[in-house]
Protein backbone atom coordinates (compact mmCIF):
# COMPACT_ATOMS: atom_id res chain seq x y z
CA UNK A 1 -5.38 -5.74 23.26
CA UNK A 2 -8.36 -4.26 21.66
CA UNK A 3 -6.00 -1.44 20.15
CA UNK A 4 -3.88 -3.83 18.44
CA UNK A 5 -6.82 -5.87 16.94
CA UNK A 6 -8.68 -2.84 16.07
CA UNK A 7 -5.16 -1.36 14.63
CA UNK A 8 -4.96 -5.13 12.40
CA UNK A 9 -8.29 -4.77 11.21
CA UNK A 10 -8.76 -0.93 10.38
CA UNK A 11 -4.97 0.58 9.87
CA UNK A 12 -5.30 0.34 6.19
CA UNK A 13 -8.51 1.96 5.63
CA UNK A 14 -8.00 4.36 8.17
CA UNK A 15 -4.92 5.42 6.16
CA UNK A 16 -6.52 5.31 2.91
CA UNK A 17 -9.12 7.19 3.98
CA UNK A 18 -7.15 9.78 4.93
CA UNK A 19 -5.11 10.26 1.89
CA UNK A 20 -8.21 10.12 -0.31
CA UNK A 21 -9.90 12.89 2.02
CA UNK A 22 -6.94 15.09 2.27
CA UNK A 23 -6.37 14.47 -1.57
CA UNK A 24 -9.87 15.39 -2.41
CA UNK A 25 -9.58 18.52 -0.24
CA UNK A 26 -6.71 19.33 -1.88
CA UNK A 27 -8.14 19.29 -5.60
CA UNK A 28 -10.88 21.00 -4.51
CA UNK A 29 -9.57 23.93 -2.83
CA UNK A 30 -7.19 24.03 -6.18
CA UNK A 31 -10.14 24.40 -8.13
CA UNK A 32 -11.66 26.71 -6.32
CA UNK A 33 -8.69 29.40 -6.20
CA UNK A 34 -8.01 28.41 -9.73
CA UNK A 35 -11.39 29.14 -10.86
CA UNK A 36 -12.96 31.72 -8.33
CA UNK A 37 -9.84 33.59 -7.23
CA UNK A 38 -8.02 33.20 -10.43
CA UNK A 39 -5.01 32.40 -8.38
CA UNK A 40 -3.62 28.86 -8.46
CA UNK A 41 -1.92 27.06 -5.66
CA UNK A 42 1.72 26.01 -6.39
CA UNK A 43 1.73 23.11 -4.32
CA UNK A 44 -1.42 21.28 -4.69
CA UNK A 45 -0.82 19.35 -7.42
CA UNK A 46 2.50 17.78 -5.83
CA UNK A 47 0.93 17.16 -2.81
CA UNK A 48 -2.43 15.36 -4.53
CA UNK A 49 -0.03 13.01 -6.35
CA UNK A 50 2.31 12.15 -3.24
CA UNK A 51 -0.96 11.14 -1.26
CA UNK A 52 -2.14 9.28 -4.23
CA UNK A 53 1.13 7.24 -4.43
CA UNK A 54 1.03 6.41 -0.46
CA UNK A 55 -2.97 5.90 -0.88
CA UNK A 56 -1.93 3.20 -3.51
CA UNK A 57 1.00 1.42 -1.82
CA UNK A 58 -1.40 1.14 1.16
CA UNK A 59 -4.39 -0.01 -0.61
CA UNK A 60 -2.00 -3.37 -1.90
CA UNK A 61 -1.80 -4.34 1.62
CA UNK A 62 -5.39 -3.26 1.96
CA UNK A 63 -6.39 -5.79 -0.98
CA UNK A 64 -4.21 -8.54 0.38
CA UNK A 65 -6.06 -8.32 3.56
CA UNK A 66 -9.65 -8.96 2.02
CA UNK A 67 -7.77 -11.19 -0.54
CA UNK A 68 -8.95 -9.22 -3.36
CA UNK A 69 -5.50 -8.96 -5.07
CA UNK A 70 -5.20 -9.74 -8.49
CA UNK A 71 -4.44 -13.38 -9.17
CA UNK A 72 -4.73 -16.04 -12.01
CA UNK A 73 -7.06 -18.82 -10.84
CA UNK A 74 -7.25 -20.89 -13.36
CA UNK A 75 -4.87 -23.60 -12.03
CA UNK A 76 -6.54 -23.30 -8.60
CA UNK A 77 -10.20 -23.66 -9.91
CA UNK A 78 -9.65 -26.77 -11.49
CA UNK A 79 -7.03 -28.15 -8.91
CA UNK A 80 -8.32 -30.66 -6.55
CA UNK A 81 -9.41 -29.85 -3.03
CA UNK A 82 -6.52 -31.24 -1.54
CA UNK A 83 -3.83 -29.22 -2.68
CA UNK A 84 -5.62 -25.92 -2.95
CA UNK A 85 -4.17 -25.19 0.52
CA UNK A 86 -0.93 -25.83 -0.53
CA UNK A 87 -1.51 -24.02 -3.96
CA UNK A 88 -2.48 -20.74 -1.90
CA UNK A 89 0.35 -21.18 0.33
CA UNK A 90 3.03 -21.40 -1.97
CA UNK A 91 1.18 -18.47 -4.00
CA UNK A 92 1.44 -16.14 -0.62
CA UNK A 93 5.09 -17.08 0.19
CA UNK A 94 5.95 -15.92 -3.51
CA UNK A 95 3.94 -13.27 -2.92
CA UNK A 96 6.03 -12.19 0.29
CA UNK A 97 9.20 -13.08 -1.54
CA UNK A 98 8.57 -9.99 -4.18
CA UNK A 99 7.09 -8.11 -1.04
CA UNK A 100 10.43 -8.25 0.90
CA UNK A 101 12.58 -7.77 -2.14
CA UNK A 102 10.56 -4.63 -3.09
CA UNK A 103 11.28 -3.55 1.07
CA UNK A 104 14.97 -4.00 0.47
CA UNK A 105 15.44 -2.30 -2.70
CA UNK A 106 12.75 0.61 -1.58
CA UNK A 107 15.18 0.81 1.47
CA UNK A 108 18.26 1.30 -0.98
CA UNK A 109 16.47 3.86 -2.82
CA UNK A 110 15.21 5.86 0.18
CA UNK A 111 18.81 5.82 1.42
CA UNK A 112 20.05 7.49 -1.85
CA UNK A 113 17.20 9.86 -1.65
CA UNK A 114 18.77 10.89 2.06
CA UNK A 115 22.03 11.03 0.92
CA UNK A 116 21.34 12.87 -2.18
CA UNK A 117 19.13 15.59 -0.13
CA UNK A 118 16.59 16.07 -2.96
CA UNK A 119 13.91 18.05 -2.44
CA UNK A 120 10.04 18.28 -4.46
CA UNK A 121 9.99 21.07 -6.62
CA UNK A 122 7.01 22.81 -5.21
CA UNK A 123 6.69 21.81 -1.61
CA UNK A 124 10.35 21.65 -0.51
CA UNK A 125 9.39 18.38 1.14
CA UNK A 126 12.57 15.90 1.22
CA UNK A 127 11.75 13.35 -1.45
CA UNK A 128 12.75 10.56 1.05
CA UNK A 129 9.15 11.02 2.09
CA UNK A 130 7.54 10.26 -0.94
CA UNK A 131 10.28 7.08 -1.76
CA UNK A 132 9.17 5.79 1.49
CA UNK A 133 5.85 4.89 0.22
CA UNK A 134 6.44 1.22 -1.01
CA UNK A 135 8.43 0.45 1.91
CA UNK A 136 6.00 1.17 4.22
CA UNK A 137 3.09 -0.37 1.98
CA UNK A 138 4.98 -3.37 1.57
CA UNK A 139 5.98 -3.43 4.88
CA UNK A 140 2.07 -3.91 5.75
CA UNK A 141 1.84 -5.76 2.73
CA UNK A 142 4.17 -8.69 3.99
CA UNK A 143 2.66 -8.42 7.44
CA UNK A 144 -0.63 -9.26 5.80
CA UNK A 145 0.55 -12.22 3.93
CA UNK A 146 2.25 -14.00 6.81
CA UNK A 147 -0.71 -13.56 8.43
CA UNK A 148 -2.55 -15.51 5.42
CA UNK A 149 -0.37 -18.05 5.58
CA UNK A 150 -0.40 -18.77 9.04
CA UNK A 151 -4.34 -18.68 8.58
CA UNK A 152 -4.09 -21.28 5.38
CA UNK A 153 -2.02 -23.52 7.85
CA UNK A 154 -4.47 -23.59 10.58
CA UNK A 155 -7.77 -23.49 8.92
CA UNK A 156 -9.70 -26.85 9.43
CA UNK A 157 -10.93 -26.68 5.99
CA UNK A 158 -9.78 -25.16 2.81
CA UNK A 159 -11.94 -23.80 -0.16
């Protein structure tokens, strides 16, 4: 149970930190090789780009977890306290609908990538792994949104 709680609290943060650390190391290695050794790494820019893509989609879920995602709160801030909870629940559910649609269409795109057999030009990595980033990110986002809806329903007071 402690392991699940730890993952619930830290999974996105850990994945983003790992991706950022790897991306930084690859970029530093590329700069070193290019300017000190006068020889570029052919794969470094591609790997850094793919790590950045993964970090962005995992970061969406982390933003939802922290309630730091972009939202228009003009209506929410002027709404009476009695309906703020319902407004939040509806906004979470709409975002959840979007996340589920992204997962659905992302799975279709990953399936097309699998059937095409396309690989990345520099590293030769199958492109379905790159195109799986939105699917994984929005699955995590959907889980966080369900948690937010449950939290909004169960909270004794809402502000």
